[in-house]
N, C-alpha and C. Protein backbone atom coordinates (compact mmCIF):
# COMPACT_ATOMS: atom_id res chain seq x y z
N MET A 1 -24.24 0.48 -20.38
CA MET A 1 -23.29 1.30 -19.64
C MET A 1 -22.64 0.45 -18.54
N SER A 2 -21.35 0.57 -18.39
CA SER A 2 -20.58 -0.16 -17.39
C SER A 2 -20.71 0.50 -16.02
N ARG A 3 -20.52 -0.27 -14.98
CA ARG A 3 -20.57 0.26 -13.62
C ARG A 3 -19.41 1.21 -13.32
N VAL A 4 -18.39 1.22 -14.16
CA VAL A 4 -17.24 2.09 -13.91
C VAL A 4 -17.20 3.29 -14.84
N ASP A 5 -18.26 3.49 -15.61
CA ASP A 5 -18.30 4.60 -16.55
C ASP A 5 -18.13 5.92 -15.80
N GLY A 6 -17.18 6.74 -16.25
CA GLY A 6 -16.93 8.03 -15.64
C GLY A 6 -16.13 8.01 -14.36
N LYS A 7 -15.61 6.86 -13.98
CA LYS A 7 -14.88 6.74 -12.71
C LYS A 7 -13.37 6.59 -12.92
N CYS A 8 -12.65 6.85 -11.84
CA CYS A 8 -11.22 6.56 -11.79
C CYS A 8 -11.09 5.18 -11.16
N VAL A 9 -10.61 4.24 -11.94
CA VAL A 9 -10.56 2.83 -11.54
C VAL A 9 -9.14 2.45 -11.13
N TYR A 10 -9.03 1.79 -10.00
CA TYR A 10 -7.76 1.24 -9.54
C TYR A 10 -7.79 -0.26 -9.79
N LEU A 11 -6.87 -0.76 -10.62
CA LEU A 11 -6.79 -2.20 -10.86
C LEU A 11 -5.99 -2.86 -9.75
N CYS A 12 -6.53 -3.94 -9.24
CA CYS A 12 -5.95 -4.61 -8.07
C CYS A 12 -5.79 -6.09 -8.37
N GLY A 13 -4.57 -6.58 -8.30
CA GLY A 13 -4.34 -7.99 -8.55
C GLY A 13 -2.92 -8.38 -8.19
N PRO A 14 -2.61 -9.65 -8.37
CA PRO A 14 -1.28 -10.13 -8.01
C PRO A 14 -0.21 -9.64 -8.98
N VAL A 15 0.93 -9.25 -8.41
CA VAL A 15 2.09 -8.84 -9.20
C VAL A 15 3.32 -9.59 -8.68
N SER A 16 3.62 -9.40 -7.40
CA SER A 16 4.78 -10.06 -6.80
C SER A 16 4.59 -11.57 -6.85
N GLY A 17 5.68 -12.25 -7.17
CA GLY A 17 5.63 -13.71 -7.22
C GLY A 17 5.24 -14.26 -8.58
N LEU A 18 4.77 -13.41 -9.47
CA LEU A 18 4.44 -13.83 -10.83
C LEU A 18 5.56 -13.40 -11.77
N PRO A 19 5.74 -14.11 -12.87
CA PRO A 19 6.66 -13.58 -13.88
C PRO A 19 6.14 -12.21 -14.33
N ARG A 20 7.03 -11.25 -14.48
CA ARG A 20 6.65 -9.88 -14.81
C ARG A 20 5.75 -9.82 -16.05
N GLU A 21 6.08 -10.58 -17.07
CA GLU A 21 5.30 -10.57 -18.31
C GLU A 21 3.87 -11.03 -18.06
N GLU A 22 3.70 -12.01 -17.20
CA GLU A 22 2.36 -12.52 -16.89
C GLU A 22 1.52 -11.47 -16.17
N ALA A 23 2.13 -10.80 -15.19
CA ALA A 23 1.41 -9.75 -14.46
C ALA A 23 1.06 -8.58 -15.38
N VAL A 24 2.01 -8.13 -16.17
CA VAL A 24 1.78 -7.02 -17.09
C VAL A 24 0.67 -7.38 -18.07
N SER A 25 0.70 -8.57 -18.60
CA SER A 25 -0.32 -9.01 -19.56
C SER A 25 -1.72 -9.01 -18.93
N ALA A 26 -1.83 -9.52 -17.70
CA ALA A 26 -3.13 -9.56 -17.03
C ALA A 26 -3.68 -8.16 -16.77
N PHE A 27 -2.83 -7.26 -16.30
CA PHE A 27 -3.27 -5.89 -16.03
C PHE A 27 -3.59 -5.15 -17.34
N ASP A 28 -2.78 -5.37 -18.37
CA ASP A 28 -3.03 -4.72 -19.66
C ASP A 28 -4.36 -5.18 -20.25
N ARG A 29 -4.63 -6.48 -20.22
CA ARG A 29 -5.90 -7.00 -20.74
C ARG A 29 -7.08 -6.41 -19.98
N ALA A 30 -6.97 -6.35 -18.66
CA ALA A 30 -8.05 -5.80 -17.84
C ALA A 30 -8.27 -4.32 -18.15
N GLY A 31 -7.21 -3.56 -18.25
CA GLY A 31 -7.33 -2.14 -18.56
C GLY A 31 -7.94 -1.91 -19.93
N ASP A 32 -7.49 -2.69 -20.91
CA ASP A 32 -8.04 -2.57 -22.27
C ASP A 32 -9.52 -2.93 -22.29
N LEU A 33 -9.90 -3.97 -21.58
CA LEU A 33 -11.29 -4.39 -21.53
C LEU A 33 -12.16 -3.31 -20.90
N LEU A 34 -11.70 -2.74 -19.80
CA LEU A 34 -12.47 -1.66 -19.15
C LEU A 34 -12.62 -0.46 -20.06
N ARG A 35 -11.54 -0.06 -20.70
CA ARG A 35 -11.59 1.11 -21.59
C ARG A 35 -12.46 0.86 -22.82
N SER A 36 -12.61 -0.41 -23.22
CA SER A 36 -13.42 -0.70 -24.41
C SER A 36 -14.91 -0.65 -24.12
N CYS A 37 -15.30 -0.76 -22.86
CA CYS A 37 -16.73 -0.78 -22.54
C CYS A 37 -17.15 0.38 -21.64
N ALA A 38 -16.22 1.26 -21.30
CA ALA A 38 -16.56 2.37 -20.41
C ALA A 38 -15.62 3.54 -20.67
N THR A 39 -16.11 4.73 -20.35
CA THR A 39 -15.26 5.90 -20.36
C THR A 39 -14.76 6.05 -18.93
N CYS A 40 -13.53 5.62 -18.70
CA CYS A 40 -13.00 5.66 -17.34
C CYS A 40 -11.49 5.86 -17.40
N ALA A 41 -10.95 6.38 -16.31
CA ALA A 41 -9.50 6.46 -16.15
C ALA A 41 -9.08 5.21 -15.39
N VAL A 42 -7.98 4.59 -15.79
CA VAL A 42 -7.54 3.35 -15.18
C VAL A 42 -6.12 3.51 -14.67
N PHE A 43 -5.92 3.19 -13.39
CA PHE A 43 -4.58 3.15 -12.82
C PHE A 43 -4.16 1.69 -12.75
N SER A 44 -3.07 1.37 -13.41
CA SER A 44 -2.52 0.02 -13.40
C SER A 44 -1.15 0.07 -12.73
N PRO A 45 -0.99 -0.60 -11.61
CA PRO A 45 0.29 -0.57 -10.91
C PRO A 45 1.47 -1.00 -11.78
N VAL A 46 1.26 -1.95 -12.67
CA VAL A 46 2.40 -2.41 -13.49
C VAL A 46 2.87 -1.36 -14.47
N ASP A 47 2.01 -0.40 -14.79
CA ASP A 47 2.42 0.70 -15.66
C ASP A 47 3.14 1.80 -14.89
N ALA A 48 2.84 1.95 -13.62
CA ALA A 48 3.33 3.08 -12.84
C ALA A 48 4.59 2.78 -12.03
N ILE A 49 4.86 1.51 -11.80
CA ILE A 49 5.93 1.15 -10.88
C ILE A 49 7.07 0.47 -11.62
N PRO A 50 8.28 1.02 -11.51
CA PRO A 50 9.43 0.37 -12.13
C PRO A 50 9.66 -1.03 -11.56
N GLU A 51 10.11 -1.91 -12.40
CA GLU A 51 10.30 -3.31 -12.02
C GLU A 51 11.30 -3.48 -10.88
N ASP A 52 12.25 -2.56 -10.74
CA ASP A 52 13.28 -2.73 -9.73
C ASP A 52 12.91 -2.15 -8.35
N TRP A 53 11.71 -1.60 -8.21
CA TRP A 53 11.29 -1.09 -6.90
C TRP A 53 11.01 -2.23 -5.94
N SER A 54 11.23 -1.97 -4.67
CA SER A 54 10.89 -2.96 -3.64
C SER A 54 9.37 -3.02 -3.50
N HIS A 55 8.90 -4.12 -2.95
CA HIS A 55 7.46 -4.28 -2.71
C HIS A 55 6.94 -3.16 -1.81
N GLU A 56 7.70 -2.82 -0.79
CA GLU A 56 7.29 -1.78 0.15
C GLU A 56 7.17 -0.42 -0.53
N ARG A 57 8.13 -0.09 -1.34
CA ARG A 57 8.08 1.19 -2.05
C ARG A 57 6.90 1.22 -3.03
N ALA A 58 6.70 0.12 -3.72
CA ALA A 58 5.57 0.03 -4.65
C ALA A 58 4.24 0.18 -3.92
N MET A 59 4.11 -0.45 -2.78
CA MET A 59 2.86 -0.37 -2.02
C MET A 59 2.60 1.06 -1.54
N ARG A 60 3.64 1.79 -1.16
CA ARG A 60 3.44 3.18 -0.75
C ARG A 60 2.85 4.01 -1.88
N LEU A 61 3.37 3.83 -3.10
CA LEU A 61 2.83 4.56 -4.24
C LEU A 61 1.40 4.11 -4.55
N CYS A 62 1.17 2.81 -4.55
CA CYS A 62 -0.16 2.28 -4.87
C CYS A 62 -1.20 2.77 -3.87
N LEU A 63 -0.90 2.71 -2.60
CA LEU A 63 -1.86 3.15 -1.59
C LEU A 63 -2.11 4.64 -1.67
N ARG A 64 -1.08 5.41 -1.98
CA ARG A 64 -1.25 6.85 -2.14
C ARG A 64 -2.23 7.13 -3.29
N TRP A 65 -2.05 6.44 -4.42
CA TRP A 65 -2.94 6.65 -5.56
C TRP A 65 -4.35 6.18 -5.22
N LEU A 66 -4.45 5.04 -4.60
CA LEU A 66 -5.75 4.49 -4.22
C LEU A 66 -6.53 5.46 -3.32
N ILE A 67 -5.89 5.96 -2.32
CA ILE A 67 -6.54 6.85 -1.35
C ILE A 67 -6.88 8.21 -1.96
N ASN A 68 -6.01 8.76 -2.77
CA ASN A 68 -6.19 10.12 -3.27
C ASN A 68 -6.98 10.26 -4.56
N TYR A 69 -7.03 9.22 -5.39
CA TYR A 69 -7.62 9.40 -6.72
C TYR A 69 -8.70 8.40 -7.11
N ALA A 70 -8.67 7.21 -6.58
CA ALA A 70 -9.59 6.16 -7.04
C ALA A 70 -11.02 6.41 -6.59
N ASP A 71 -11.95 6.08 -7.49
CA ASP A 71 -13.37 6.06 -7.16
C ASP A 71 -13.82 4.65 -6.85
N THR A 72 -13.18 3.69 -7.49
CA THR A 72 -13.56 2.29 -7.33
C THR A 72 -12.36 1.40 -7.57
N VAL A 73 -12.42 0.20 -7.03
CA VAL A 73 -11.36 -0.79 -7.20
C VAL A 73 -11.93 -1.96 -7.99
N VAL A 74 -11.21 -2.37 -9.01
CA VAL A 74 -11.60 -3.53 -9.80
C VAL A 74 -10.52 -4.60 -9.58
N THR A 75 -10.97 -5.76 -9.09
CA THR A 75 -10.04 -6.84 -8.79
C THR A 75 -9.87 -7.78 -9.97
N LEU A 76 -8.65 -8.25 -10.13
CA LEU A 76 -8.31 -9.22 -11.16
C LEU A 76 -8.33 -10.62 -10.54
N PRO A 77 -8.51 -11.65 -11.36
CA PRO A 77 -8.48 -13.01 -10.83
C PRO A 77 -7.19 -13.27 -10.03
N GLY A 78 -7.33 -13.97 -8.93
CA GLY A 78 -6.19 -14.31 -8.09
C GLY A 78 -5.81 -13.27 -7.06
N TRP A 79 -6.55 -12.17 -6.98
CA TRP A 79 -6.18 -11.10 -6.06
C TRP A 79 -6.15 -11.57 -4.60
N GLU A 80 -7.01 -12.55 -4.27
CA GLU A 80 -7.11 -13.01 -2.88
C GLU A 80 -5.82 -13.64 -2.38
N ALA A 81 -4.99 -14.13 -3.28
CA ALA A 81 -3.73 -14.78 -2.90
C ALA A 81 -2.57 -13.79 -2.80
N SER A 82 -2.83 -12.53 -3.07
CA SER A 82 -1.79 -11.50 -3.05
C SER A 82 -1.90 -10.67 -1.77
N GLU A 83 -0.84 -10.65 -1.00
CA GLU A 83 -0.82 -9.86 0.23
C GLU A 83 -1.06 -8.38 -0.05
N GLY A 84 -0.41 -7.85 -1.09
CA GLY A 84 -0.58 -6.45 -1.43
C GLY A 84 -2.00 -6.14 -1.89
N ALA A 85 -2.58 -7.01 -2.73
CA ALA A 85 -3.94 -6.79 -3.22
C ALA A 85 -4.95 -6.87 -2.07
N CYS A 86 -4.73 -7.79 -1.14
CA CYS A 86 -5.63 -7.89 0.02
C CYS A 86 -5.58 -6.61 0.85
N LEU A 87 -4.39 -6.04 1.01
CA LEU A 87 -4.26 -4.77 1.73
C LEU A 87 -4.99 -3.66 0.98
N GLU A 88 -4.82 -3.61 -0.34
CA GLU A 88 -5.49 -2.58 -1.14
C GLU A 88 -7.01 -2.68 -1.02
N VAL A 89 -7.54 -3.89 -1.08
CA VAL A 89 -8.99 -4.07 -0.95
C VAL A 89 -9.45 -3.66 0.45
N ALA A 90 -8.70 -4.03 1.48
CA ALA A 90 -9.07 -3.65 2.85
C ALA A 90 -9.07 -2.13 3.01
N VAL A 91 -8.06 -1.45 2.48
CA VAL A 91 -8.00 0.01 2.56
C VAL A 91 -9.16 0.62 1.79
N ALA A 92 -9.40 0.12 0.60
CA ALA A 92 -10.51 0.65 -0.22
C ALA A 92 -11.84 0.55 0.53
N LYS A 93 -12.10 -0.59 1.11
CA LYS A 93 -13.36 -0.77 1.86
C LYS A 93 -13.39 0.15 3.08
N ALA A 94 -12.26 0.31 3.74
CA ALA A 94 -12.20 1.14 4.95
C ALA A 94 -12.48 2.61 4.65
N ILE A 95 -12.15 3.06 3.43
CA ILE A 95 -12.38 4.47 3.09
C ILE A 95 -13.63 4.65 2.22
N GLY A 96 -14.42 3.60 2.09
CA GLY A 96 -15.71 3.71 1.44
C GLY A 96 -15.72 3.59 -0.07
N LEU A 97 -14.65 3.04 -0.66
CA LEU A 97 -14.65 2.85 -2.10
C LEU A 97 -15.38 1.56 -2.47
N GLU A 98 -16.01 1.57 -3.62
CA GLU A 98 -16.65 0.37 -4.13
C GLU A 98 -15.57 -0.58 -4.64
N VAL A 99 -15.73 -1.85 -4.34
CA VAL A 99 -14.81 -2.89 -4.80
C VAL A 99 -15.62 -3.90 -5.60
N MET A 100 -15.15 -4.22 -6.80
CA MET A 100 -15.87 -5.18 -7.64
C MET A 100 -14.88 -5.98 -8.47
N THR A 101 -15.32 -7.13 -8.96
CA THR A 101 -14.49 -7.94 -9.84
C THR A 101 -14.50 -7.32 -11.23
N LEU A 102 -13.59 -7.76 -12.06
CA LEU A 102 -13.54 -7.31 -13.43
C LEU A 102 -14.83 -7.67 -14.15
N GLU A 103 -15.35 -8.85 -13.90
CA GLU A 103 -16.59 -9.29 -14.54
C GLU A 103 -17.76 -8.38 -14.15
N GLU A 104 -17.82 -8.01 -12.89
CA GLU A 104 -18.89 -7.09 -12.44
C GLU A 104 -18.74 -5.71 -13.08
N ALA A 105 -17.50 -5.28 -13.26
CA ALA A 105 -17.26 -3.94 -13.80
C ALA A 105 -17.69 -3.82 -15.25
N ILE A 106 -17.58 -4.89 -16.00
CA ILE A 106 -17.92 -4.81 -17.43
C ILE A 106 -19.32 -5.30 -17.73
N ALA A 107 -20.02 -5.78 -16.74
CA ALA A 107 -21.38 -6.33 -16.96
C ALA A 107 -22.37 -5.22 -17.29
């Protein structure tokens, strides 16, 4: 059983500054991997946010979802270099959500 079984998972990783296809691919692979080893709901920012939105507008939606619906945050490789992902992790910790890497989530 995965550590995220039965949870609402927020995927957290770099998007801005990466080619869109690269970011989408990383989030899609992570979501597919989580769903293959656990029964969980997964929120992926790249699925929810139109490509033409500003970073600020995207962050408002992401933080709203994180605060209102997420049970846990799963980080993707490279999240530490993303300003938005660092903010999401800080908010998650501040409101008592569990934060773990993708590897920890599927172990």
